[in-house]
Amino acid sequence: MIILQVYVMDNIVMPAMIRPVVFFYIILILPAMPQWVLLLLGFATGIILDSFDHTPGVNAAACTLLAELRDTVLRFLKPGEANDIIKPHLQYMGLRSYVNYLVFMSLVFHFLAGLLGYFTLSGLGYTMVRILLNSAVSVILLLVIDIVFFYRRSKAE
């Protein structure tokens, strides 16, 4: 079975079906900036990973799409604050909105990268399971990263 294959990356052993990525978190937490700058940063982030991962353009396309969708998704999740600048962090958005934001963006990234990476629809069921598992593990890791490095308790506590 394919699940029994193992990736060994820097002494971390993981099943072949699960390969979470968290580098696109950089695009998700950037402050408000012009759209063209965000698109360039998204493309640069993806192309840097593509150069190391030997996947020509897959991560660049997925990261550029995330950069394009980011502001729209943030405005959709916080419609009452359309005129205000929305800071994409847990303490500003609240747990529910922030988790929805991470889940949607992770699914978009993994869906596009998964379909472009395999470039076939023959194993669509297997690909969808991989996309869902990778997204779930990525969201959990992103939440841990946000809580450990960026979450600050209010001074009232």
C-alpha atoms as a PDB file:
ATOM      1  CA  MET A   1       0.000   0.000   0.000  1.00  0.00           C
ATOM      2  CA  ILE A   2       1.240   3.489  -0.768  1.00  0.00           C
ATOM      3  CA  ILE A   3       0.556   4.683   2.762  1.00  0.00           C
ATOM      4  CA  LEU A   4       3.394   2.472   4.021  1.00  0.00           C
ATOM      5  CA  GLN A   5       5.988   4.374   2.018  1.00  0.00           C
ATOM      6  CA  VAL A   6       7.905   6.848   4.104  1.00  0.00           C
ATOM      7  CA  TYR A   7       9.500  10.246   3.513  1.00  0.00           C
ATOM      8  CA  VAL A   8      12.654  10.912   5.483  1.00  0.00           C
ATOM      9  CA  MET A   9      13.238  14.661   5.641  1.00  0.00           C
ATOM     10  CA  ASP A  10      15.906  15.886   8.043  1.00  0.00           C
ATOM     11  CA  ASN A  11      15.394  12.889  10.345  1.00  0.00           C
ATOM     12  CA  ILE A  12      11.611  13.413  10.445  1.00  0.00           C
ATOM     13  CA  VAL A  13       9.770  10.310   9.314  1.00  0.00           C
ATOM     14  CA  MET A  14       6.249  10.818   7.956  1.00  0.00           C
ATOM     15  CA  PRO A  15       3.870   8.652   5.964  1.00  0.00           C
ATOM     16  CA  ALA A  16       3.959   9.396   2.235  1.00  0.00           C
ATOM     17  CA  MET A  17       0.301  10.378   2.225  1.00  0.00           C
ATOM     18  CA  ILE A  18       0.815  13.296   4.588  1.00  0.00           C
ATOM     19  CA  ARG A  19       3.156  16.105   3.581  1.00  0.00           C
ATOM     20  CA  PRO A  20       2.048  19.321   5.275  1.00  0.00           C
ATOM     21  CA  VAL A  21       3.529  22.627   4.235  1.00  0.00           C
ATOM     22  CA  VAL A  22       3.481  25.830   6.235  1.00  0.00           C
ATOM     23  CA  PHE A  23       5.557  28.199   4.113  1.00  0.00           C
ATOM     24  CA  PHE A  24       2.456  29.833   2.626  1.00  0.00           C
ATOM     25  CA  TYR A  25       1.738  31.187   6.130  1.00  0.00           C
ATOM     26  CA  ILE A  26       4.032  34.078   5.180  1.00  0.00           C
ATOM     27  CA  ILE A  27       1.501  35.212   2.577  1.00  0.00           C
ATOM     28  CA  LEU A  28      -1.440  34.794   4.938  1.00  0.00           C
ATOM     29  CA  ILE A  29      -0.118  37.014   7.748  1.00  0.00           C
ATOM     30  CA  LEU A  30       1.360  39.884   5.748  1.00  0.00           C
ATOM     31  CA  PRO A  31       0.024  43.326   6.713  1.00  0.00           C
ATOM     32  CA  ALA A  32      -2.118  45.372   4.338  1.00  0.00           C
ATOM     33  CA  MET A  33      -0.219  46.338   1.203  1.00  0.00           C
ATOM     34  CA  PRO A  34      -0.887  47.032  -2.461  1.00  0.00           C
ATOM     35  CA  GLN A  35      -2.162  44.026  -4.401  1.00  0.00           C
ATOM     36  CA  TRP A  36       0.712  44.026  -6.894  1.00  0.00           C
ATOM     37  CA  VAL A  37       3.276  43.823  -4.075  1.00  0.00           C
ATOM     38  CA  LEU A  38       1.355  40.963  -2.500  1.00  0.00           C
ATOM     39  CA  LEU A  39       1.246  39.113  -5.836  1.00  0.00           C
ATOM     40  CA  LEU A  40       4.997  39.559  -6.337  1.00  0.00           C
ATOM     41  CA  LEU A  41       5.728  38.317  -2.827  1.00  0.00           C
ATOM     42  CA  GLY A  42       3.430  35.335  -3.343  1.00  0.00           C
ATOM     43  CA  PHE A  43       5.093  34.432  -6.615  1.00  0.00           C
ATOM     44  CA  ALA A  44       8.584  34.878  -5.143  1.00  0.00           C
ATOM     45  CA  THR A  45       7.721  32.686  -2.147  1.00  0.00           C
ATOM     46  CA  GLY A  46       6.430  29.929  -4.396  1.00  0.00           C
ATOM     47  CA  ILE A  47       9.260  30.074  -6.916  1.00  0.00           C
ATOM     48  CA  ILE A  48      11.868  29.865  -4.149  1.00  0.00           C
ATOM     49  CA  LEU A  49      10.272  26.684  -2.855  1.00  0.00           C
ATOM     50  CA  ASP A  50       9.921  25.349  -6.410  1.00  0.00           C
ATOM     51  CA  SER A  51      13.643  25.767  -6.941  1.00  0.00           C
ATOM     52  CA  PHE A  52      14.379  23.554  -3.924  1.00  0.00           C
ATOM     53  CA  ASP A  53      11.498  21.110  -4.391  1.00  0.00           C
ATOM     54  CA  HIS A  54      12.032  20.558  -8.158  1.00  0.00           C
ATOM     55  CA  THR A  55       8.391  21.294  -8.951  1.00  0.00           C
ATOM     56  CA  PRO A  56       8.485  23.844 -11.777  1.00  0.00           C
ATOM     57  CA  GLY A  57       5.830  26.450 -11.095  1.00  0.00           C
ATOM     58  CA  VAL A  58       3.477  24.379  -8.921  1.00  0.00           C
ATOM     59  CA  ASN A  59       4.083  26.235  -5.657  1.00  0.00           C
ATOM     60  CA  ALA A  60       4.476  29.555  -7.474  1.00  0.00           C
ATOM     61  CA  ALA A  61       1.013  29.174  -9.020  1.00  0.00           C
ATOM     62  CA  ALA A  62      -0.567  28.126  -5.714  1.00  0.00           C
ATOM     63  CA  CYS A  63       1.082  30.944  -3.728  1.00  0.00           C
ATOM     64  CA  THR A  64       0.156  33.534  -6.343  1.00  0.00           C
ATOM     65  CA  LEU A  65      -3.473  32.384  -6.173  1.00  0.00           C
ATOM     66  CA  LEU A  66      -3.385  32.676  -2.361  1.00  0.00           C
ATOM     67  CA  ALA A  67      -2.011  36.202  -2.658  1.00  0.00           C
ATOM     68  CA  GLU A  68      -4.813  37.104  -5.077  1.00  0.00           C
ATOM     69  CA  LEU A  69      -7.569  35.643  -2.874  1.00  0.00           C
ATOM     70  CA  ARG A  70      -6.246  36.834   0.500  1.00  0.00           C
ATOM     71  CA  ASP A  71      -7.902  40.256   0.761  1.00  0.00           C
ATOM     72  CA  THR A  72     -11.197  39.014  -0.682  1.00  0.00           C
ATOM     73  CA  VAL A  73     -11.370  36.159   1.810  1.00  0.00           C
ATOM     74  CA  LEU A  74     -10.504  38.477   4.699  1.00  0.00           C
ATOM     75  CA  ARG A  75     -13.256  40.915   3.668  1.00  0.00           C
ATOM     76  CA  PHE A  76     -15.722  38.025   3.362  1.00  0.00           C
ATOM     77  CA  LEU A  77     -14.897  36.723   6.846  1.00  0.00           C
ATOM     78  CA  LYS A  78     -15.117  40.152   8.473  1.00  0.00           C
ATOM     79  CA  PRO A  79     -17.770  42.052   6.455  1.00  0.00           C
ATOM     80  CA  GLY A  80     -18.508  44.571   9.227  1.00  0.00           C
ATOM     81  CA  GLU A  81     -14.937  45.835   9.110  1.00  0.00           C
ATOM     82  CA  ALA A  82     -14.824  46.504   5.358  1.00  0.00           C
ATOM     83  CA  ASN A  83     -13.436  50.016   5.822  1.00  0.00           C
ATOM     84  CA  ASP A  84     -10.977  49.014   8.532  1.00  0.00           C
ATOM     85  CA  ILE A  85      -7.709  47.223   7.911  1.00  0.00           C
ATOM     86  CA  ILE A  86      -8.132  43.610   8.927  1.00  0.00           C
ATOM     87  CA  LYS A  87      -5.085  42.119  10.607  1.00  0.00           C
ATOM     88  CA  PRO A  88      -4.899  38.414   9.755  1.00  0.00           C
ATOM     89  CA  HIS A  89      -3.953  37.076  13.182  1.00  0.00           C
ATOM     90  CA  LEU A  90      -5.741  35.024  15.805  1.00  0.00           C
ATOM     91  CA  GLN A  91      -6.007  37.754  18.414  1.00  0.00           C
ATOM     92  CA  TYR A  92      -7.543  40.275  15.981  1.00  0.00           C
ATOM     93  CA  MET A  93      -9.911  38.022  14.028  1.00  0.00           C
ATOM     94  CA  GLY A  94     -11.079  35.696  16.764  1.00  0.00           C
ATOM     95  CA  LEU A  95     -10.738  31.922  16.789  1.00  0.00           C
ATOM     96  CA  ARG A  96     -13.669  31.046  14.530  1.00  0.00           C
ATOM     97  CA  SER A  97     -12.908  33.522  11.747  1.00  0.00           C
ATOM     98  CA  TYR A  98      -9.193  32.814  11.893  1.00  0.00           C
ATOM     99  CA  VAL A  99      -9.626  29.043  11.702  1.00  0.00           C
ATOM    100  CA  ASN A 100     -12.069  29.461   8.795  1.00  0.00           C
ATOM    101  CA  TYR A 101      -9.493  31.663   7.068  1.00  0.00           C
ATOM    102  CA  LEU A 102      -6.701  29.127   7.578  1.00  0.00           C
ATOM    103  CA  VAL A 103      -8.834  26.155   6.509  1.00  0.00           C
ATOM    104  CA  PHE A 104     -10.065  27.816   3.321  1.00  0.00           C
ATOM    105  CA  MET A 105      -6.657  29.116   2.276  1.00  0.00           C
ATOM    106  CA  SER A 106      -4.964  25.816   3.091  1.00  0.00           C
ATOM    107  CA  LEU A 107      -7.540  23.886   1.064  1.00  0.00           C
ATOM    108  CA  VAL A 108      -7.067  26.233  -1.894  1.00  0.00           C
ATOM    109  CA  PHE A 109      -3.282  25.895  -1.743  1.00  0.00           C
ATOM    110  CA  HIS A 110      -3.239  22.112  -1.352  1.00  0.00           C
ATOM    111  CA  PHE A 111      -5.959  21.616  -3.977  1.00  0.00           C
ATOM    112  CA  LEU A 112      -4.121  23.586  -6.637  1.00  0.00           C
ATOM    113  CA  ALA A 113      -0.675  22.243  -5.732  1.00  0.00           C
ATOM    114  CA  GLY A 114      -2.020  18.692  -5.556  1.00  0.00           C
ATOM    115  CA  LEU A 115      -3.737  18.787  -8.916  1.00  0.00           C
ATOM    116  CA  LEU A 116      -0.849  20.561 -10.650  1.00  0.00           C
ATOM    117  CA  GLY A 117       1.700  18.292  -8.987  1.00  0.00           C
ATOM    118  CA  TYR A 118       0.101  15.072 -10.197  1.00  0.00           C
ATOM    119  CA  PHE A 119      -1.335  16.530 -13.406  1.00  0.00           C
ATOM    120  CA  THR A 120      -3.706  13.597 -13.793  1.00  0.00           C
ATOM    121  CA  LEU A 121      -7.250  12.800 -12.779  1.00  0.00           C
ATOM    122  CA  SER A 122      -6.740   9.019 -12.739  1.00  0.00           C
ATOM    123  CA  GLY A 123      -6.239   8.814  -8.960  1.00  0.00           C
ATOM    124  CA  LEU A 124      -8.642  11.609  -8.063  1.00  0.00           C
ATOM    125  CA  GLY A 125      -9.953   9.913  -4.905  1.00  0.00           C
ATOM    126  CA  TYR A 126      -6.463   9.334  -3.556  1.00  0.00           C
ATOM    127  CA  THR A 127      -5.492  12.901  -4.467  1.00  0.00           C
ATOM    128  CA  MET A 128      -8.530  14.330  -2.639  1.00  0.00           C
ATOM    129  CA  VAL A 129      -7.722  12.321   0.492  1.00  0.00           C
ATOM    130  CA  ARG A 130      -4.141  13.620   0.358  1.00  0.00           C
ATOM    131  CA  ILE A 131      -5.384  17.195  -0.086  1.00  0.00           C
ATOM    132  CA  LEU A 132      -7.708  16.918   2.923  1.00  0.00           C
ATOM    133  CA  LEU A 133      -5.088  15.274   5.166  1.00  0.00           C
ATOM    134  CA  ASN A 134      -2.356  17.726   4.174  1.00  0.00           C
ATOM    135  CA  SER A 135      -4.702  20.661   4.744  1.00  0.00           C
ATOM    136  CA  ALA A 136      -5.803  19.406   8.151  1.00  0.00           C
ATOM    137  CA  VAL A 137      -2.260  18.855   9.389  1.00  0.00           C
ATOM    138  CA  SER A 138      -1.128  22.191   7.907  1.00  0.00           C
ATOM    139  CA  VAL A 139      -3.935  24.080   9.673  1.00  0.00           C
ATOM    140  CA  ILE A 140      -3.037  22.477  12.996  1.00  0.00           C
ATOM    141  CA  LEU A 141       0.628  23.394  12.530  1.00  0.00           C
ATOM    142  CA  LEU A 142      -0.264  26.954  11.498  1.00  0.00           C
ATOM    143  CA  LEU A 143      -2.447  27.387  14.589  1.00  0.00           C
ATOM    144  CA  VAL A 144       0.382  26.136  16.804  1.00  0.00           C
ATOM    145  CA  ILE A 145       2.840  28.504  15.104  1.00  0.00           C
ATOM    146  CA  ASP A 146       0.463  31.439  15.524  1.00  0.00           C
ATOM    147  CA  ILE A 147      -0.230  30.687  19.179  1.00  0.00           C
ATOM    148  CA  VAL A 148       3.408  30.103  20.093  1.00  0.00           C
ATOM    149  CA  PHE A 149       4.969  33.020  18.214  1.00  0.00           C
ATOM    150  CA  PHE A 150       2.315  35.688  17.649  1.00  0.00           C
ATOM    151  CA  TYR A 151      -0.548  35.336  20.132  1.00  0.00           C
ATOM    152  CA  ARG A 152      -0.423  37.799  23.009  1.00  0.00           C
ATOM    153  CA  ARG A 153      -2.762  37.717  25.943  1.00  0.00           C
ATOM    154  CA  SER A 154      -4.623  40.857  26.835  1.00  0.00           C
ATOM    155  CA  LYS A 155      -3.215  42.906  29.694  1.00  0.00           C
ATOM    156  CA  ALA A 156      -6.420  42.460  31.690  1.00  0.00           C
ATOM    157  CA  GLU A 157      -5.572  38.834  32.486  1.00  0.00           C
END
